[in-house]
Amino acid sequence: EHLVEALQNKYSSHEYIDEIENMLGVKLLNLDEFRLNNI
């Protein structure tokens, strides 16, 4: 049962990691114009 639970927890936490990356993508998109215009 520990193995089954560990497998289930692994892929549910992957969804959370993916959500963080998506939120970061929005934040970075808001900085794109300044960055690209000034480098």
PDB file of all heavy atoms in Angstrom:
ATOM      1  N   GLU A   1       0.818  -1.216   0.000  1.00  0.00           N
ATOM      2  CA  GLU A   1       0.000   0.000   0.000  1.00  0.00           C
ATOM      3  C   GLU A   1       0.852   1.265   0.000  1.00  0.00           C
ATOM      4  O   GLU A   1       0.452   2.294  -0.555  1.00  0.00           O
ATOM      5  CB  GLU A   1      -0.925   0.000   1.219  1.00  0.00           C
ATOM      6  CG  GLU A   1      -1.980  -1.112   1.177  1.00  0.00           C
ATOM      7  CD  GLU A   1      -2.893  -1.090   2.390  1.00  0.00           C
ATOM      8  OE1 GLU A   1      -2.723  -0.183   3.236  1.00  0.00           O
ATOM      9  OE2 GLU A   1      -3.775  -1.962   2.486  1.00  0.00           O
ATOM     10  N   HIS A   2       2.034   1.201   0.635  1.00  0.00           N
ATOM     11  CA  HIS A   2       2.922   2.363   0.652  1.00  0.00           C
ATOM     12  C   HIS A   2       3.384   2.719  -0.759  1.00  0.00           C
ATOM     13  O   HIS A   2       3.499   3.892  -1.123  1.00  0.00           O
ATOM     14  CB  HIS A   2       4.139   2.091   1.543  1.00  0.00           C
ATOM     15  CG  HIS A   2       3.798   1.940   2.988  1.00  0.00           C
ATOM     16  ND1 HIS A   2       3.254   2.954   3.743  1.00  0.00           N
ATOM     17  CD2 HIS A   2       3.921   0.872   3.823  1.00  0.00           C
ATOM     18  CE1 HIS A   2       3.053   2.538   4.980  1.00  0.00           C
ATOM     19  NE2 HIS A   2       3.445   1.279   5.057  1.00  0.00           N
ATOM     20  N   LEU A   3       3.639   1.697  -1.574  1.00  0.00           N
ATOM     21  CA  LEU A   3       4.059   1.914  -2.956  1.00  0.00           C
ATOM     22  C   LEU A   3       2.942   2.535  -3.772  1.00  0.00           C
ATOM     23  O   LEU A   3       3.167   3.494  -4.527  1.00  0.00           O
ATOM     24  CB  LEU A   3       4.500   0.589  -3.580  1.00  0.00           C
ATOM     25  CG  LEU A   3       4.871   0.615  -5.070  1.00  0.00           C
ATOM     26  CD1 LEU A   3       5.935   1.677  -5.357  1.00  0.00           C
ATOM     27  CD2 LEU A   3       5.351  -0.759  -5.525  1.00  0.00           C
ATOM     28  N   VAL A   4       1.734   2.014  -3.634  1.00  0.00           N
ATOM     29  CA  VAL A   4       0.584   2.558  -4.368  1.00  0.00           C
ATOM     30  C   VAL A   4       0.355   4.015  -3.984  1.00  0.00           C
ATOM     31  O   VAL A   4       0.153   4.881  -4.858  1.00  0.00           O
ATOM     32  CB  VAL A   4      -0.682   1.730  -4.092  1.00  0.00           C
ATOM     33  CG1 VAL A   4      -1.900   2.382  -4.751  1.00  0.00           C
ATOM     34  CG2 VAL A   4      -0.511   0.302  -4.608  1.00  0.00           C
ATOM     35  N   GLU A   5       0.399   4.297  -2.695  1.00  0.00           N
ATOM     36  CA  GLU A   5       0.184   5.674  -2.223  1.00  0.00           C
ATOM     37  C   GLU A   5       1.286   6.602  -2.714  1.00  0.00           C
ATOM     38  O   GLU A   5       1.022   7.745  -3.108  1.00  0.00           O
ATOM     39  CB  GLU A   5       0.131   5.690  -0.700  1.00  0.00           C
ATOM     40  CG  GLU A   5      -0.167   7.070  -0.112  1.00  0.00           C
ATOM     41  CD  GLU A   5      -0.242   7.060   1.397  1.00  0.00           C
ATOM     42  OE1 GLU A   5      -0.097   5.963   2.002  1.00  0.00           O
ATOM     43  OE2 GLU A   5      -0.441   8.130   1.991  1.00  0.00           O
ATOM     44  N   ALA A   6       2.529   6.109  -2.720  1.00  0.00           N
ATOM     45  CA  ALA A   6       3.659   6.925  -3.178  1.00  0.00           C
ATOM     46  C   ALA A   6       3.521   7.264  -4.657  1.00  0.00           C
ATOM     47  O   ALA A   6       3.812   8.391  -5.082  1.00  0.00           O
ATOM     48  CB  ALA A   6       4.970   6.191  -2.925  1.00  0.00           C
ATOM     49  N   LEU A   7       3.061   6.301  -5.457  1.00  0.00           N
ATOM     50  CA  LEU A   7       2.840   6.554  -6.887  1.00  0.00           C
ATOM     51  C   LEU A   7       1.743   7.596  -7.102  1.00  0.00           C
ATOM     52  O   LEU A   7       1.876   8.505  -7.928  1.00  0.00           O
ATOM     53  CB  LEU A   7       2.466   5.255  -7.599  1.00  0.00           C
ATOM     54  CG  LEU A   7       3.601   4.263  -7.869  1.00  0.00           C
ATOM     55  CD1 LEU A   7       3.042   2.913  -8.295  1.00  0.00           C
ATOM     56  CD2 LEU A   7       4.540   4.802  -8.943  1.00  0.00           C
ATOM     57  N   GLN A   8       0.657   7.469  -6.353  1.00  0.00           N
ATOM     58  CA  GLN A   8      -0.452   8.418  -6.485  1.00  0.00           C
ATOM     59  C   GLN A   8      -0.015   9.826  -6.081  1.00  0.00           C
ATOM     60  O   GLN A   8      -0.349  10.808  -6.754  1.00  0.00           O
ATOM     61  CB  GLN A   8      -1.628   7.949  -5.637  1.00  0.00           C
ATOM     62  CG  GLN A   8      -2.279   6.673  -6.152  1.00  0.00           C
ATOM     63  CD  GLN A   8      -3.278   6.087  -5.171  1.00  0.00           C
ATOM     64  OE1 GLN A   8      -3.244   6.367  -3.977  1.00  0.00           O
ATOM     65  NE2 GLN A   8      -4.180   5.252  -5.674  1.00  0.00           N
ATOM     66  N   ASN A   9       0.734   9.940  -4.983  1.00  0.00           N
ATOM     67  CA  ASN A   9       1.200  11.243  -4.506  1.00  0.00           C
ATOM     68  C   ASN A   9       2.162  11.893  -5.492  1.00  0.00           C
ATOM     69  O   ASN A   9       2.156  13.116  -5.669  1.00  0.00           O
ATOM     70  CB  ASN A   9       1.874  11.104  -3.146  1.00  0.00           C
ATOM     71  CG  ASN A   9       0.891  10.790  -2.038  1.00  0.00           C
ATOM     72  OD1 ASN A   9      -0.309  11.049  -2.174  1.00  0.00           O
ATOM     73  ND2 ASN A   9       1.376  10.235  -0.944  1.00  0.00           N
ATOM     74  N   LYS A  10       2.978  11.058  -6.126  1.00  0.00           N
ATOM     75  CA  LYS A  10       3.946  11.582  -7.084  1.00  0.00           C
ATOM     76  C   LYS A  10       3.259  12.361  -8.196  1.00  0.00           C
ATOM     77  O   LYS A  10       3.609  13.503  -8.483  1.00  0.00           O
ATOM     78  CB  LYS A  10       4.760  10.435  -7.701  1.00  0.00           C
ATOM     79  CG  LYS A  10       5.660  10.867  -8.862  1.00  0.00           C
ATOM     80  CD  LYS A  10       6.354   9.670  -9.473  1.00  0.00           C
ATOM     81  CE  LYS A  10       7.108  10.067 -10.744  1.00  0.00           C
ATOM     82  NZ  LYS A  10       8.237  10.969 -10.485  1.00  0.00           N
ATOM     83  N   TYR A  11       2.253  11.770  -8.803  1.00  0.00           N
ATOM     84  CA  TYR A  11       1.640  12.398  -9.966  1.00  0.00           C
ATOM     85  C   TYR A  11       0.654  13.507  -9.598  1.00  0.00           C
ATOM     86  O   TYR A  11       0.409  14.393 -10.411  1.00  0.00           O
ATOM     87  CB  TYR A  11       1.013  11.326 -10.861  1.00  0.00           C
ATOM     88  CG  TYR A  11       2.101  10.493 -11.498  1.00  0.00           C
ATOM     89  CD1 TYR A  11       2.374   9.199 -11.066  1.00  0.00           C
ATOM     90  CD2 TYR A  11       2.921  11.034 -12.477  1.00  0.00           C
ATOM     91  CE1 TYR A  11       3.406   8.456 -11.623  1.00  0.00           C
ATOM     92  CE2 TYR A  11       3.959  10.308 -13.037  1.00  0.00           C
ATOM     93  CZ  TYR A  11       4.198   9.028 -12.607  1.00  0.00           C
ATOM     94  OH  TYR A  11       5.239   8.312 -13.145  1.00  0.00           O
ATOM     95  N   SER A  12       0.143  13.492  -8.375  1.00  0.00           N
ATOM     96  CA  SER A  12      -0.685  14.624  -7.949  1.00  0.00           C
ATOM     97  C   SER A  12       0.202  15.849  -7.679  1.00  0.00           C
ATOM     98  O   SER A  12      -0.195  16.983  -7.978  1.00  0.00           O
ATOM     99  CB  SER A  12      -1.494  14.263  -6.702  1.00  0.00           C
ATOM    100  OG  SER A  12      -0.646  13.975  -5.603  1.00  0.00           O
ATOM    101  N   SER A  13       1.399  15.638  -7.141  1.00  0.00           N
ATOM    102  CA  SER A  13       2.302  16.770  -6.897  1.00  0.00           C
ATOM    103  C   SER A  13       2.866  17.310  -8.200  1.00  0.00           C
ATOM    104  O   SER A  13       3.180  18.495  -8.301  1.00  0.00           O
ATOM    105  CB  SER A  13       3.443  16.357  -5.956  1.00  0.00           C
ATOM    106  OG  SER A  13       4.274  15.385  -6.555  1.00  0.00           O
ATOM    107  N   HIS A  14       2.978  16.462  -9.214  1.00  0.00           N
ATOM    108  CA  HIS A  14       3.423  16.943 -10.526  1.00  0.00           C
ATOM    109  C   HIS A  14       2.439  17.986 -11.069  1.00  0.00           C
ATOM    110  O   HIS A  14       2.843  18.943 -11.741  1.00  0.00           O
ATOM    111  CB  HIS A  14       3.547  15.780 -11.510  1.00  0.00           C
ATOM    112  CG  HIS A  14       4.833  15.013 -11.361  1.00  0.00           C
ATOM    113  ND1 HIS A  14       5.219  14.035 -12.238  1.00  0.00           N
ATOM    114  CD2 HIS A  14       5.815  15.098 -10.440  1.00  0.00           C
ATOM    115  CE1 HIS A  14       6.385  13.540 -11.856  1.00  0.00           C
ATOM    116  NE2 HIS A  14       6.759  14.165 -10.770  1.00  0.00           N
ATOM    117  N   GLU A  15       1.173  17.785 -10.798  1.00  0.00           N
ATOM    118  CA  GLU A  15       0.166  18.753 -11.247  1.00  0.00           C
ATOM    119  C   GLU A  15       0.391  20.107 -10.579  1.00  0.00           C
ATOM    120  O   GLU A  15       0.206  21.161 -11.206  1.00  0.00           O
ATOM    121  CB  GLU A  15      -1.232  18.229 -10.931  1.00  0.00           C
ATOM    122  CG  GLU A  15      -1.624  16.980 -11.722  1.00  0.00           C
ATOM    123  CD  GLU A  15      -2.969  16.426 -11.301  1.00  0.00           C
ATOM    124  OE1 GLU A  15      -3.612  17.043 -10.405  1.00  0.00           O
ATOM    125  OE2 GLU A  15      -3.391  15.398 -11.864  1.00  0.00           O
ATOM    126  N   TYR A  16       0.791  20.095  -9.308  1.00  0.00           N
ATOM    127  CA  TYR A  16       1.055  21.340  -8.586  1.00  0.00           C
ATOM    128  C   TYR A  16       2.291  22.038  -9.144  1.00  0.00           C
ATOM    129  O   TYR A  16       2.304  23.264  -9.311  1.00  0.00           O
ATOM    130  CB  TYR A  16       1.238  21.044  -7.096  1.00  0.00           C
ATOM    131  CG  TYR A  16       1.433  22.278  -6.235  1.00  0.00           C
ATOM    132  CD1 TYR A  16       0.621  23.394  -6.391  1.00  0.00           C
ATOM    133  CD2 TYR A  16       2.438  22.324  -5.271  1.00  0.00           C
ATOM    134  CE1 TYR A  16       0.793  24.528  -5.606  1.00  0.00           C
ATOM    135  CE2 TYR A  16       2.620  23.450  -4.481  1.00  0.00           C
ATOM    136  CZ  TYR A  16       1.794  24.547  -4.655  1.00  0.00           C
ATOM    137  OH  TYR A  16       1.975  25.665  -3.882  1.00  0.00           O
ATOM    138  N   ILE A  17       3.334  21.257  -9.457  1.00  0.00           N
ATOM    139  CA  ILE A  17       4.536  21.825 -10.073  1.00  0.00           C
ATOM    140  C   ILE A  17       4.184  22.483 -11.404  1.00  0.00           C
ATOM    141  O   ILE A  17       4.642  23.589 -11.712  1.00  0.00           O
ATOM    142  CB  ILE A  17       5.607  20.731 -10.274  1.00  0.00           C
ATOM    143  CG1 ILE A  17       6.166  20.276  -8.915  1.00  0.00           C
ATOM    144  CG2 ILE A  17       6.745  21.226 -11.161  1.00  0.00           C
ATOM    145  CD1 ILE A  17       7.118  19.093  -8.994  1.00  0.00           C
ATOM    146  N   ASP A  18       3.363  21.810 -12.174  1.00  0.00           N
ATOM    147  CA  ASP A  18       2.938  22.346 -13.470  1.00  0.00           C
ATOM    148  C   ASP A  18       2.164  23.649 -13.297  1.00  0.00           C
ATOM    149  O   ASP A  18       2.323  24.594 -14.086  1.00  0.00           O
ATOM    150  CB  ASP A  18       2.078  21.306 -14.193  1.00  0.00           C
ATOM    151  CG  ASP A  18       1.747  21.718 -15.617  1.00  0.00           C
ATOM    152  OD1 ASP A  18       2.689  22.016 -16.377  1.00  0.00           O
ATOM    153  OD2 ASP A  18       0.559  21.745 -15.964  1.00  0.00           O
ATOM    154  N   GLU A  19       1.347  23.732 -12.260  1.00  0.00           N
ATOM    155  CA  GLU A  19       0.573  24.950 -12.003  1.00  0.00           C
ATOM    156  C   GLU A  19       1.496  26.116 -11.636  1.00  0.00           C
ATOM    157  O   GLU A  19       1.276  27.259 -12.078  1.00  0.00           O
ATOM    158  CB  GLU A  19      -0.426  24.693 -10.870  1.00  0.00           C
ATOM    159  CG  GLU A  19      -1.346  25.871 -10.571  1.00  0.00           C
ATOM    160  CD  GLU A  19      -2.223  26.264 -11.746  1.00  0.00           C
ATOM    161  OE1 GLU A  19      -2.528  25.388 -12.591  1.00  0.00           O
ATOM    162  OE2 GLU A  19      -2.598  27.448 -11.830  1.00  0.00           O
ATOM    163  N   ILE A  20       2.525  25.850 -10.851  1.00  0.00           N
ATOM    164  CA  ILE A  20       3.494  26.902 -10.508  1.00  0.00           C
ATOM    165  C   ILE A  20       4.171  27.423 -11.770  1.00  0.00           C
ATOM    166  O   ILE A  20       4.327  28.633 -11.957  1.00  0.00           O
ATOM    167  CB  ILE A  20       4.543  26.368  -9.512  1.00  0.00           C
ATOM    168  CG1 ILE A  20       3.897  26.051  -8.161  1.00  0.00           C
ATOM    169  CG2 ILE A  20       5.670  27.396  -9.319  1.00  0.00           C
ATOM    170  CD1 ILE A  20       4.838  25.390  -7.172  1.00  0.00           C
ATOM    171  N   GLU A  21       4.575  26.503 -12.648  1.00  0.00           N
ATOM    172  CA  GLU A  21       5.224  26.906 -13.898  1.00  0.00           C
ATOM    173  C   GLU A  21       4.287  27.743 -14.761  1.00  0.00           C
ATOM    174  O   GLU A  21       4.712  28.722 -15.399  1.00  0.00           O
ATOM    175  CB  GLU A  21       5.697  25.672 -14.656  1.00  0.00           C
ATOM    176  CG  GLU A  21       6.877  24.973 -13.998  1.00  0.00           C
ATOM    177  CD  GLU A  21       7.241  23.662 -14.675  1.00  0.00           C
ATOM    178  OE1 GLU A  21       6.319  22.992 -15.214  1.00  0.00           O
ATOM    179  OE2 GLU A  21       8.422  23.300 -14.663  1.00  0.00           O
ATOM    180  N   ASN A  22       3.015  27.383 -14.783  1.00  0.00           N
ATOM    181  CA  ASN A  22       2.044  28.154 -15.565  1.00  0.00           C
ATOM    182  C   ASN A  22       1.878  29.567 -15.011  1.00  0.00           C
ATOM    183  O   ASN A  22       1.806  30.541 -15.773  1.00  0.00           O
ATOM    184  CB  ASN A  22       0.690  27.443 -15.573  1.00  0.00           C
ATOM    185  CG  ASN A  22       0.700  26.177 -16.414  1.00  0.00           C
ATOM    186  OD1 ASN A  22       1.539  26.011 -17.299  1.00  0.00           O
ATOM    187  ND2 ASN A  22      -0.218  25.262 -16.136  1.00  0.00           N
ATOM    188  N   MET A  23       1.819  29.684 -13.678  1.00  0.00           N
ATOM    189  CA  MET A  23       1.693  31.007 -13.059  1.00  0.00           C
ATOM    190  C   MET A  23       2.940  31.842 -13.313  1.00  0.00           C
ATOM    191  O   MET A  23       2.857  33.050 -13.573  1.00  0.00           O
ATOM    192  CB  MET A  23       1.434  30.863 -11.564  1.00  0.00           C
ATOM    193  CG  MET A  23       0.049  30.331 -11.224  1.00  0.00           C
ATOM    194  SD  MET A  23      -0.353  30.388  -9.443  1.00  0.00           S
ATOM    195  CE  MET A  23       0.717  29.100  -8.821  1.00  0.00           C
ATOM    196  N   LEU A  24       4.104  31.209 -13.260  1.00  0.00           N
ATOM    197  CA  LEU A  24       5.349  31.921 -13.558  1.00  0.00           C
ATOM    198  C   LEU A  24       5.367  32.396 -15.008  1.00  0.00           C
ATOM    199  O   LEU A  24       5.851  33.496 -15.308  1.00  0.00           O
ATOM    200  CB  LEU A  24       6.543  31.007 -13.307  1.00  0.00           C
ATOM    201  CG  LEU A  24       7.282  31.189 -11.987  1.00  0.00           C
ATOM    202  CD1 LEU A  24       8.318  30.094 -11.796  1.00  0.00           C
ATOM    203  CD2 LEU A  24       7.918  32.557 -11.890  1.00  0.00           C
ATOM    204  N   GLY A  25       4.840  31.566 -15.901  1.00  0.00           N
ATOM    205  CA  GLY A  25       4.792  31.945 -17.316  1.00  0.00           C
ATOM    206  C   GLY A  25       4.016  33.233 -17.523  1.00  0.00           C
ATOM    207  O   GLY A  25       4.411  34.083 -18.335  1.00  0.00           O
ATOM    208  N   VAL A  26       2.927  33.397 -16.791  1.00  0.00           N
ATOM    209  CA  VAL A  26       2.129  34.631 -16.882  1.00  0.00           C
ATOM    210  C   VAL A  26       2.924  35.815 -16.360  1.00  0.00           C
ATOM    211  O   VAL A  26       2.947  36.894 -16.977  1.00  0.00           O
ATOM    212  CB  VAL A  26       0.810  34.479 -16.092  1.00  0.00           C
ATOM    213  CG1 VAL A  26       0.054  35.808 -16.053  1.00  0.00           C
ATOM    214  CG2 VAL A  26      -0.063  33.394 -16.713  1.00  0.00           C
ATOM    215  N   LYS A  27       3.610  35.625 -15.231  1.00  0.00           N
ATOM    216  CA  LYS A  27       4.421  36.705 -14.648  1.00  0.00           C
ATOM    217  C   LYS A  27       5.534  37.122 -15.611  1.00  0.00           C
ATOM    218  O   LYS A  27       5.799  38.322 -15.800  1.00  0.00           O
ATOM    219  CB  LYS A  27       5.041  36.247 -13.329  1.00  0.00           C
ATOM    220  CG  LYS A  27       4.052  35.888 -12.234  1.00  0.00           C
ATOM    221  CD  LYS A  27       3.390  37.097 -11.632  1.00  0.00           C
ATOM    222  CE  LYS A  27       2.522  36.724 -10.443  1.00  0.00           C
ATOM    223  NZ  LYS A  27       1.780  37.880  -9.883  1.00  0.00           N
ATOM    224  N   LEU A  28       6.190  36.148 -16.222  1.00  0.00           N
ATOM    225  CA  LEU A  28       7.291  36.450 -17.136  1.00  0.00           C
ATOM    226  C   LEU A  28       6.790  37.117 -18.409  1.00  0.00           C
ATOM    227  O   LEU A  28       7.475  37.977 -18.975  1.00  0.00           O
ATOM    228  CB  LEU A  28       8.054  35.165 -17.469  1.00  0.00           C
ATOM    229  CG  LEU A  28       8.837  34.544 -16.307  1.00  0.00           C
ATOM    230  CD1 LEU A  28       9.397  33.193 -16.698  1.00  0.00           C
ATOM    231  CD2 LEU A  28       9.953  35.469 -15.852  1.00  0.00           C
ATOM    232  N   LEU A  29       5.607  36.713 -18.839  1.00  0.00           N
ATOM    233  CA  LEU A  29       5.028  37.333 -20.029  1.00  0.00           C
ATOM    234  C   LEU A  29       4.828  38.828 -19.807  1.00  0.00           C
ATOM    235  O   LEU A  29       5.019  39.632 -20.732  1.00  0.00           O
ATOM    236  CB  LEU A  29       3.693  36.660 -20.367  1.00  0.00           C
ATOM    237  CG  LEU A  29       3.035  37.069 -21.683  1.00  0.00           C
ATOM    238  CD1 LEU A  29       3.922  36.715 -22.872  1.00  0.00           C
ATOM    239  CD2 LEU A  29       1.680  36.382 -21.830  1.00  0.00           C
ATOM    240  N   ASN A  30       4.474  39.203 -18.595  1.00  0.00           N
ATOM    241  CA  ASN A  30       4.274  40.616 -18.275  1.00  0.00           C
ATOM    242  C   ASN A  30       5.585  41.407 -18.245  1.00  0.00           C
ATOM    243  O   ASN A  30       5.565  42.634 -18.249  1.00  0.00           O
ATOM    244  CB  ASN A  30       3.581  40.746 -16.914  1.00  0.00           C
ATOM    245  CG  ASN A  30       2.136  40.279 -16.955  1.00  0.00           C
ATOM    246  OD1 ASN A  30       1.485  40.337 -18.000  1.00  0.00           O
ATOM    247  ND2 ASN A  30       1.626  39.801 -15.835  1.00  0.00           N
ATOM    248  N   LEU A  31       6.706  40.694 -18.206  1.00  0.00           N
ATOM    249  CA  LEU A  31       8.019  41.355 -18.202  1.00  0.00           C
ATOM    250  C   LEU A  31       8.700  41.305 -19.565  1.00  0.00           C
ATOM    251  O   LEU A  31       9.749  41.919 -19.760  1.00  0.00           O
ATOM    252  CB  LEU A  31       8.922  40.696 -17.160  1.00  0.00           C
ATOM    253  CG  LEU A  31       8.636  41.047 -15.695  1.00  0.00           C
ATOM    254  CD1 LEU A  31       9.246  40.001 -14.761  1.00  0.00           C
ATOM    255  CD2 LEU A  31       9.178  42.435 -15.365  1.00  0.00           C
ATOM    256  N   ASP A  32       8.111  40.568 -20.492  1.00  0.00           N
ATOM    257  CA  ASP A  32       8.745  40.358 -21.801  1.00  0.00           C
ATOM    258  C   ASP A  32       9.025  41.661 -22.539  1.00  0.00           C
ATOM    259  O   ASP A  32      10.106  41.852 -23.105  1.00  0.00           O
ATOM    260  CB  ASP A  32       7.863  39.466 -22.679  1.00  0.00           C
ATOM    261  CG  ASP A  32       8.246  38.005 -22.560  1.00  0.00           C
ATOM    262  OD1 ASP A  32       9.196  37.697 -21.812  1.00  0.00           O
ATOM    263  OD2 ASP A  32       7.585  37.170 -23.203  1.00  0.00           O
ATOM    264  N   GLU A  33       8.050  42.551 -22.561  1.00  0.00           N
ATOM    265  CA  GLU A  33       8.197  43.781 -23.347  1.00  0.00           C
ATOM    266  C   GLU A  33       9.375  44.609 -22.843  1.00  0.00           C
ATOM    267  O   GLU A  33      10.194  45.077 -23.644  1.00  0.00           O
ATOM    268  CB  GLU A  33       6.913  44.608 -23.292  1.00  0.00           C
ATOM    269  CG  GLU A  33       6.977  45.862 -24.160  1.00  0.00           C
ATOM    270  CD  GLU A  33       5.669  46.637 -24.171  1.00  0.00           C
ATOM    271  OE1 GLU A  33       4.704  46.191 -23.501  1.00  0.00           O
ATOM    272  OE2 GLU A  33       5.615  47.697 -24.836  1.00  0.00           O
ATOM    273  N   PHE A  34       9.457  44.779 -21.527  1.00  0.00           N
ATOM    274  CA  PHE A  34      10.571  45.561 -20.983  1.00  0.00           C
ATOM    275  C   PHE A  34      11.907  44.879 -21.271  1.00  0.00           C
ATOM    276  O   PHE A  34      12.877  45.526 -21.694  1.00  0.00           O
ATOM    277  CB  PHE A  34      10.414  45.763 -19.476  1.00  0.00           C
ATOM    278  CG  PHE A  34      11.538  46.555 -18.867  1.00  0.00           C
ATOM    279  CD1 PHE A  34      11.514  47.943 -18.904  1.00  0.00           C
ATOM    280  CD2 PHE A  34      12.626  45.915 -18.273  1.00  0.00           C
ATOM    281  CE1 PHE A  34      12.564  48.684 -18.355  1.00  0.00           C
ATOM    282  CE2 PHE A  34      13.675  46.649 -17.726  1.00  0.00           C
ATOM    283  CZ  PHE A  34      13.636  48.029 -17.772  1.00  0.00           C
ATOM    284  N   ARG A  35      11.966  43.584 -21.044  1.00  0.00           N
ATOM    285  CA  ARG A  35      13.226  42.858 -21.261  1.00  0.00           C
ATOM    286  C   ARG A  35      13.680  42.939 -22.712  1.00  0.00           C
ATOM    287  O   ARG A  35      14.837  43.291 -22.991  1.00  0.00           O
ATOM    288  CB  ARG A  35      13.050  41.385 -20.853  1.00  0.00           C
ATOM    289  CG  ARG A  35      14.281  40.510 -21.127  1.00  0.00           C
ATOM    290  CD  ARG A  35      14.119  39.133 -20.521  1.00  0.00           C
ATOM    291  NE  ARG A  35      12.938  38.457 -21.026  1.00  0.00           N
ATOM    292  CZ  ARG A  35      12.908  37.721 -22.135  1.00  0.00           C
ATOM    293  NH1 ARG A  35      14.002  37.586 -22.853  1.00  0.00           N
ATOM    294  NH2 ARG A  35      11.798  37.128 -22.530  1.00  0.00           N
ATOM    295  N   LEU A  36      12.788  42.649 -23.643  1.00  0.00           N
ATOM    296  CA  LEU A  36      13.159  42.616 -25.057  1.00  0.00           C
ATOM    297  C   LEU A  36      13.488  43.998 -25.609  1.00  0.00           C
ATOM    298  O   LEU A  36      14.293  44.128 -26.533  1.00  0.00           O
ATOM    299  CB  LEU A  36      12.036  41.980 -25.871  1.00  0.00           C
ATOM    300  CG  LEU A  36      11.769  40.500 -25.560  1.00  0.00           C
ATOM    301  CD1 LEU A  36      10.557  40.000 -26.325  1.00  0.00           C
ATOM    302  CD2 LEU A  36      12.989  39.644 -25.878  1.00  0.00           C
ATOM    303  N   ASN A  37      12.891  45.031 -25.027  1.00  0.00           N
ATOM    304  CA  ASN A  37      13.153  46.388 -25.490  1.00  0.00           C
ATOM    305  C   ASN A  37      14.429  46.988 -24.901  1.00  0.00           C
ATOM    306  O   ASN A  37      14.873  48.060 -25.347  1.00  0.00           O
ATOM    307  CB  ASN A  37      11.976  47.313 -25.147  1.00  0.00           C
ATOM    308  CG  ASN A  37      10.769  47.060 -26.025  1.00  0.00           C
ATOM    309  OD1 ASN A  37      10.890  46.513 -27.125  1.00  0.00           O
ATOM    310  ND2 ASN A  37       9.601  47.442 -25.549  1.00  0.00           N
ATOM    311  N   ASN A  38      15.007  46.309 -23.904  1.00  0.00           N
ATOM    312  CA  ASN A  38      16.133  46.927 -23.199  1.00  0.00           C
ATOM    313  C   ASN A  38      17.369  46.041 -23.081  1.00  0.00           C
ATOM    314  O   ASN A  38      18.255  46.323 -22.272  1.00  0.00           O
ATOM    315  CB  ASN A  38      15.686  47.339 -21.792  1.00  0.00           C
ATOM    316  CG  ASN A  38      14.709  48.486 -21.806  1.00  0.00           C
ATOM    317  OD1 ASN A  38      15.080  49.648 -21.991  1.00  0.00           O
ATOM    318  ND2 ASN A  38      13.434  48.169 -21.626  1.00  0.00           N
ATOM    319  N   ILE A  39      17.441  45.005 -23.895  1.00  0.00           N
ATOM    320  CA  ILE A  39      18.652  44.175 -23.897  1.00  0.00           C
ATOM    321  C   ILE A  39      19.209  44.061 -25.306  1.00  0.00           C
ATOM    322  O   ILE A  39      18.503  44.271 -26.297  1.00  0.00           O
ATOM    323  CB  ILE A  39      18.387  42.759 -23.338  1.00  0.00           C
ATOM    324  CG1 ILE A  39      17.354  42.017 -24.197  1.00  0.00           C
ATOM    325  CG2 ILE A  39      17.967  42.817 -21.876  1.00  0.00           C
ATOM    326  CD1 ILE A  39      17.203  40.545 -23.812  1.00  0.00           C
TER     327      ILE A  39
END
